[in-house]
Amino acid sequence: MTQFHHHPDGLVYVRADNGIYVDTLENFATDYGRSAPALPDGMIECIYESGRRHVYFDAKQNAHALEGEAGCAEHEAICAKLDDLLAAQSQRIAAEKAAAAATSTTGTLQL
């Protein structure tokens, strides 16, 4: 089973047997190459489970099932790219760490 989860706390989860990707919406857009699918008006959460369910939740945690197949293809495509997401995330984090290390070693010495 694969799952895409746009969590109300602003995180995106992509889960499958081969791993779990979790990051902010901003970092997801960087890693995936475009933004996560927008939530419909009034919705704060989306859970898509391949072949099982595609549901949105409002602020009162009322579930709203999606009519038809709209949006399923996009969420399925994201789930199919889990390995790419994990690789992009790993490279981004390594680059951020390298940049931070370079910045900390190039500071000036105060006397």
N, C-alpha and C. Protein backbone atom coordinates (compact mmCIF):
# COMPACT_ATOMS: atom_id res chain seq x y z
N MET A 1 0.83 -1.18 0.00
CA MET A 1 0.00 0.00 0.00
C MET A 1 0.88 1.25 0.00
N THR A 2 0.49 2.22 -0.78
CA THR A 2 1.14 3.53 -0.75
C THR A 2 0.14 4.56 -0.25
N GLN A 3 0.68 5.60 0.38
CA GLN A 3 -0.19 6.62 0.94
C GLN A 3 0.44 8.00 0.76
N PHE A 4 -0.40 8.96 0.37
CA PHE A 4 -0.04 10.37 0.37
C PHE A 4 -0.88 11.01 1.46
N HIS A 5 -0.23 11.80 2.31
CA HIS A 5 -0.94 12.41 3.44
C HIS A 5 -0.51 13.87 3.56
N HIS A 6 -1.42 14.77 3.26
CA HIS A 6 -1.20 16.21 3.48
C HIS A 6 -1.76 16.48 4.87
N HIS A 7 -0.86 16.58 5.84
CA HIS A 7 -1.23 16.69 7.24
C HIS A 7 -1.58 18.14 7.59
N PRO A 8 -2.53 18.35 8.53
CA PRO A 8 -2.90 19.71 8.90
C PRO A 8 -1.77 20.54 9.51
N ASP A 9 -0.72 19.89 9.98
CA ASP A 9 0.39 20.65 10.56
C ASP A 9 1.35 21.19 9.51
N GLY A 10 1.00 21.02 8.23
CA GLY A 10 1.83 21.57 7.15
C GLY A 10 2.91 20.62 6.65
N LEU A 11 2.81 19.38 7.01
CA LEU A 11 3.77 18.38 6.52
C LEU A 11 3.13 17.51 5.45
N VAL A 12 3.98 16.97 4.59
CA VAL A 12 3.57 16.00 3.58
C VAL A 12 4.25 14.68 3.92
N TYR A 13 3.46 13.62 3.95
CA TYR A 13 3.97 12.28 4.15
C TYR A 13 3.69 11.47 2.89
N VAL A 14 4.66 10.69 2.46
CA VAL A 14 4.44 9.69 1.42
C VAL A 14 4.98 8.40 2.00
N ARG A 15 4.10 7.43 2.15
CA ARG A 15 4.46 6.19 2.83
C ARG A 15 4.28 5.00 1.90
N ALA A 16 5.21 4.07 1.99
CA ALA A 16 5.12 2.81 1.24
C ALA A 16 6.00 1.80 1.96
N ASP A 17 5.98 0.58 1.47
CA ASP A 17 6.78 -0.48 2.10
C ASP A 17 8.27 -0.17 2.03
N ASN A 18 8.70 0.58 1.02
CA ASN A 18 10.13 0.85 0.84
C ASN A 18 10.61 2.13 1.52
N GLY A 19 9.74 2.82 2.26
CA GLY A 19 10.21 3.99 2.98
C GLY A 19 9.11 4.98 3.29
N ILE A 20 9.49 6.02 4.02
CA ILE A 20 8.58 7.09 4.39
C ILE A 20 9.28 8.42 4.13
N TYR A 21 8.62 9.26 3.35
CA TYR A 21 9.09 10.62 3.13
C TYR A 21 8.22 11.53 3.99
N VAL A 22 8.84 12.44 4.72
CA VAL A 22 8.10 13.44 5.48
C VAL A 22 8.89 14.73 5.45
N ASP A 23 8.20 15.81 5.12
CA ASP A 23 8.86 17.12 5.10
C ASP A 23 7.80 18.20 5.00
N THR A 24 8.24 19.45 5.08
CA THR A 24 7.34 20.58 4.98
C THR A 24 6.81 20.71 3.55
N LEU A 25 5.73 21.46 3.40
CA LEU A 25 5.19 21.70 2.06
C LEU A 25 6.22 22.39 1.18
N GLU A 26 6.96 23.32 1.73
CA GLU A 26 7.99 24.03 0.97
C GLU A 26 9.08 23.09 0.50
N ASN A 27 9.58 22.25 1.40
CA ASN A 27 10.63 21.31 1.01
C ASN A 27 10.11 20.24 0.06
N PHE A 28 8.85 19.83 0.24
CA PHE A 28 8.25 18.89 -0.71
C PHE A 28 8.29 19.48 -2.12
N ALA A 29 7.91 20.75 -2.25
CA ALA A 29 7.91 21.39 -3.57
C ALA A 29 9.31 21.39 -4.18
N THR A 30 10.32 21.62 -3.36
CA THR A 30 11.70 21.58 -3.83
C THR A 30 12.07 20.17 -4.27
N ASP A 31 11.77 19.19 -3.44
CA ASP A 31 12.16 17.81 -3.71
C ASP A 31 11.40 17.19 -4.88
N TYR A 32 10.12 17.53 -5.00
CA TYR A 32 9.27 16.95 -6.04
C TYR A 32 9.33 17.74 -7.35
N GLY A 33 9.67 19.01 -7.23
CA GLY A 33 9.73 19.84 -8.43
C GLY A 33 8.49 20.68 -8.66
N ARG A 34 7.49 20.48 -7.84
CA ARG A 34 6.28 21.32 -7.86
C ARG A 34 5.54 21.11 -6.55
N SER A 35 4.60 22.02 -6.32
CA SER A 35 3.86 22.01 -5.05
C SER A 35 2.96 20.78 -4.92
N ALA A 36 2.66 20.46 -3.68
CA ALA A 36 1.68 19.41 -3.40
C ALA A 36 0.33 19.86 -3.93
N PRO A 37 -0.54 18.92 -4.28
CA PRO A 37 -1.87 19.30 -4.73
C PRO A 37 -2.58 20.14 -3.69
N ALA A 38 -3.26 21.18 -4.16
CA ALA A 38 -3.97 22.08 -3.25
C ALA A 38 -5.15 21.36 -2.61
N LEU A 39 -5.42 21.73 -1.38
CA LEU A 39 -6.59 21.21 -0.69
C LEU A 39 -7.82 21.98 -1.15
N PRO A 40 -8.96 21.31 -1.28
CA PRO A 40 -10.19 22.04 -1.63
C PRO A 40 -10.54 23.05 -0.53
N ASP A 41 -11.29 24.06 -0.90
CA ASP A 41 -11.71 25.08 0.07
C ASP A 41 -12.35 24.44 1.29
N GLY A 42 -11.94 24.90 2.46
CA GLY A 42 -12.51 24.42 3.71
C GLY A 42 -11.89 23.14 4.25
N MET A 43 -10.97 22.53 3.50
CA MET A 43 -10.34 21.29 3.93
C MET A 43 -8.95 21.58 4.49
N ILE A 44 -8.56 20.82 5.51
CA ILE A 44 -7.25 21.02 6.13
C ILE A 44 -6.35 19.79 6.04
N GLU A 45 -6.88 18.69 5.50
CA GLU A 45 -6.11 17.45 5.46
C GLU A 45 -6.59 16.59 4.30
N CYS A 46 -5.66 15.83 3.73
CA CYS A 46 -5.99 14.88 2.66
C CYS A 46 -5.24 13.58 2.93
N ILE A 47 -5.95 12.47 2.78
CA ILE A 47 -5.32 11.15 2.84
C ILE A 47 -5.73 10.39 1.59
N TYR A 48 -4.71 9.98 0.84
CA TYR A 48 -4.93 9.15 -0.34
C TYR A 48 -4.20 7.85 -0.14
N GLU A 49 -4.92 6.74 -0.17
CA GLU A 49 -4.32 5.41 -0.09
C GLU A 49 -4.63 4.70 -1.39
N SER A 50 -3.60 4.34 -2.09
CA SER A 50 -3.73 3.75 -3.42
C SER A 50 -4.71 2.58 -3.42
N GLY A 51 -5.75 2.75 -4.23
CA GLY A 51 -6.73 1.68 -4.39
C GLY A 51 -7.70 1.50 -3.23
N ARG A 52 -7.59 2.34 -2.20
CA ARG A 52 -8.44 2.16 -1.02
C ARG A 52 -9.33 3.34 -0.71
N ARG A 53 -8.71 4.52 -0.56
CA ARG A 53 -9.53 5.67 -0.20
C ARG A 53 -8.84 6.98 -0.60
N HIS A 54 -9.66 7.98 -0.76
CA HIS A 54 -9.19 9.34 -1.05
C HIS A 54 -10.16 10.25 -0.33
N VAL A 55 -9.73 10.78 0.79
CA VAL A 55 -10.64 11.51 1.66
C VAL A 55 -9.99 12.81 2.13
N TYR A 56 -10.83 13.82 2.28
CA TYR A 56 -10.41 15.11 2.82
C TYR A 56 -11.11 15.30 4.16
N PHE A 57 -10.47 16.09 5.03
CA PHE A 57 -11.05 16.39 6.34
C PHE A 57 -11.13 17.90 6.51
N ASP A 58 -12.22 18.35 7.12
CA ASP A 58 -12.35 19.77 7.44
C ASP A 58 -11.81 20.00 8.85
N ALA A 59 -11.89 21.24 9.32
CA ALA A 59 -11.32 21.59 10.62
C ALA A 59 -11.99 20.88 11.79
N LYS A 60 -13.20 20.39 11.60
CA LYS A 60 -13.90 19.64 12.64
C LYS A 60 -13.67 18.14 12.52
N GLN A 61 -12.74 17.76 11.63
CA GLN A 61 -12.39 16.37 11.36
C GLN A 61 -13.54 15.58 10.74
N ASN A 62 -14.44 16.27 10.06
CA ASN A 62 -15.47 15.60 9.27
C ASN A 62 -14.84 15.13 7.97
N ALA A 63 -15.07 13.88 7.62
CA ALA A 63 -14.51 13.32 6.40
C ALA A 63 -15.39 13.66 5.21
N HIS A 64 -14.72 13.96 4.10
CA HIS A 64 -15.41 14.26 2.85
C HIS A 64 -14.76 13.40 1.76
N ALA A 65 -15.46 12.38 1.32
CA ALA A 65 -14.94 11.51 0.28
C ALA A 65 -14.91 12.26 -1.04
N LEU A 66 -13.89 12.01 -1.82
CA LEU A 66 -13.76 12.65 -3.11
C LEU A 66 -14.68 11.97 -4.10
N GLU A 67 -15.38 12.78 -4.87
CA GLU A 67 -16.26 12.24 -5.90
C GLU A 67 -15.44 11.87 -7.14
N GLY A 68 -15.66 10.70 -7.66
CA GLY A 68 -14.98 10.29 -8.89
C GLY A 68 -13.49 10.08 -8.69
N GLU A 69 -12.74 10.22 -9.77
CA GLU A 69 -11.31 9.96 -9.75
C GLU A 69 -10.47 11.23 -9.71
N ALA A 70 -11.09 12.39 -9.62
CA ALA A 70 -10.34 13.65 -9.65
C ALA A 70 -9.27 13.66 -8.56
N GLY A 71 -8.07 13.99 -8.93
CA GLY A 71 -6.97 14.07 -7.98
C GLY A 71 -6.25 12.77 -7.72
N CYS A 72 -6.88 11.65 -7.99
CA CYS A 72 -6.24 10.37 -7.70
C CYS A 72 -4.97 10.18 -8.52
N ALA A 73 -5.00 10.54 -9.77
CA ALA A 73 -3.82 10.35 -10.64
C ALA A 73 -2.63 11.14 -10.12
N GLU A 74 -2.87 12.36 -9.67
CA GLU A 74 -1.78 13.19 -9.16
C GLU A 74 -1.20 12.61 -7.87
N HIS A 75 -2.05 12.19 -6.97
CA HIS A 75 -1.55 11.58 -5.73
C HIS A 75 -0.85 10.25 -6.01
N GLU A 76 -1.37 9.49 -6.94
CA GLU A 76 -0.73 8.22 -7.32
C GLU A 76 0.65 8.47 -7.92
N ALA A 77 0.77 9.51 -8.75
CA ALA A 77 2.07 9.85 -9.35
C ALA A 77 3.08 10.22 -8.28
N ILE A 78 2.65 10.95 -7.27
CA ILE A 78 3.54 11.31 -6.17
C ILE A 78 4.00 10.06 -5.43
N CYS A 79 3.08 9.17 -5.14
CA CYS A 79 3.43 7.93 -4.45
C CYS A 79 4.43 7.11 -5.26
N ALA A 80 4.27 7.11 -6.57
CA ALA A 80 5.17 6.35 -7.44
C ALA A 80 6.58 6.92 -7.45
N LYS A 81 6.73 8.16 -7.03
CA LYS A 81 8.04 8.82 -7.02
C LYS A 81 8.69 8.83 -5.64
N LEU A 82 8.26 7.95 -4.75
CA LEU A 82 8.79 7.94 -3.39
C LEU A 82 10.31 7.82 -3.38
N ASP A 83 10.88 6.90 -4.14
CA ASP A 83 12.33 6.75 -4.15
C ASP A 83 13.02 8.04 -4.60
N ASP A 84 12.47 8.70 -5.61
CA ASP A 84 13.03 9.97 -6.09
C ASP A 84 12.91 11.06 -5.01
N LEU A 85 11.78 11.09 -4.32
CA LEU A 85 11.60 12.06 -3.24
C LEU A 85 12.63 11.85 -2.14
N LEU A 86 12.83 10.61 -1.74
CA LEU A 86 13.79 10.31 -0.68
C LEU A 86 15.21 10.68 -1.11
N ALA A 87 15.56 10.42 -2.37
CA ALA A 87 16.90 10.76 -2.87
C ALA A 87 17.08 12.28 -2.92
N ALA A 88 16.07 12.99 -3.42
CA ALA A 88 16.16 14.46 -3.51
C ALA A 88 16.25 15.07 -2.11
N GLN A 89 15.48 14.53 -1.18
CA GLN A 89 15.52 15.03 0.20
C GLN A 89 16.91 14.83 0.81
N SER A 90 17.46 13.65 0.60
CA SER A 90 18.78 13.34 1.13
C SER A 90 19.85 14.28 0.55
N GLN A 91 19.78 14.51 -0.76
CA GLN A 91 20.74 15.42 -1.40
C GLN A 91 20.57 16.85 -0.90
N ARG A 92 19.33 17.29 -0.73
CA ARG A 92 19.07 18.65 -0.25
C ARG A 92 19.61 18.83 1.17
N ILE A 93 19.36 17.85 2.03
CA ILE A 93 19.83 17.93 3.41
C ILE A 93 21.35 17.92 3.46
N ALA A 94 21.99 17.08 2.65
CA ALA A 94 23.45 17.03 2.61
C ALA A 94 24.02 18.38 2.15
N ALA A 95 23.39 18.99 1.15
CA ALA A 95 23.85 20.29 0.65
C ALA A 95 23.67 21.36 1.72
N GLU A 96 22.55 21.32 2.45
CA GLU A 96 22.32 22.28 3.52
C GLU A 96 23.37 22.14 4.62
N LYS A 97 23.70 20.89 4.97
CA LYS A 97 24.71 20.66 6.00
C LYS A 97 26.08 21.13 5.54
N ALA A 98 26.41 20.88 4.27
CA ALA A 98 27.70 21.31 3.74
C ALA A 98 27.79 22.83 3.73
N ALA A 99 26.70 23.48 3.34
CA ALA A 99 26.70 24.95 3.33
C ALA A 99 26.84 25.51 4.74
N ALA A 100 26.18 24.89 5.69
CA ALA A 100 26.27 25.35 7.09
C ALA A 100 27.69 25.14 7.62
N ALA A 101 28.29 24.01 7.28
CA ALA A 101 29.66 23.73 7.74
C ALA A 101 30.63 24.72 7.10
N ALA A 102 30.45 25.03 5.83
CA ALA A 102 31.33 25.98 5.15
C ALA A 102 31.19 27.37 5.75
N THR A 103 29.99 27.75 6.10
CA THR A 103 29.75 29.05 6.70
C THR A 103 30.42 29.14 8.08
N SER A 104 30.34 28.07 8.84
CA SER A 104 30.91 28.11 10.20
C SER A 104 32.43 28.11 10.18
N THR A 105 33.06 27.64 9.12
CA THR A 105 34.51 27.62 9.07
C THR A 105 35.10 28.82 8.37
N THR A 106 34.27 29.67 7.76
CA THR A 106 34.79 30.83 7.05
C THR A 106 34.55 32.13 7.82
N GLY A 107 34.12 32.01 9.06
CA GLY A 107 33.91 33.21 9.86
C GLY A 107 35.22 33.90 10.18
N THR A 108 35.17 35.14 10.59
CA THR A 108 36.40 35.88 10.92
C THR A 108 36.70 35.74 12.41
N LEU A 109 37.95 35.75 12.70
CA LEU A 109 38.42 35.64 14.09
C LEU A 109 38.41 37.02 14.73
N GLN A 110 37.71 37.13 15.83
CA GLN A 110 37.63 38.39 16.56
C GLN A 110 38.68 38.41 17.66
N LEU A 111 39.49 39.47 17.69
CA LEU A 111 40.52 39.61 18.75
C LEU A 111 40.15 40.69 19.70
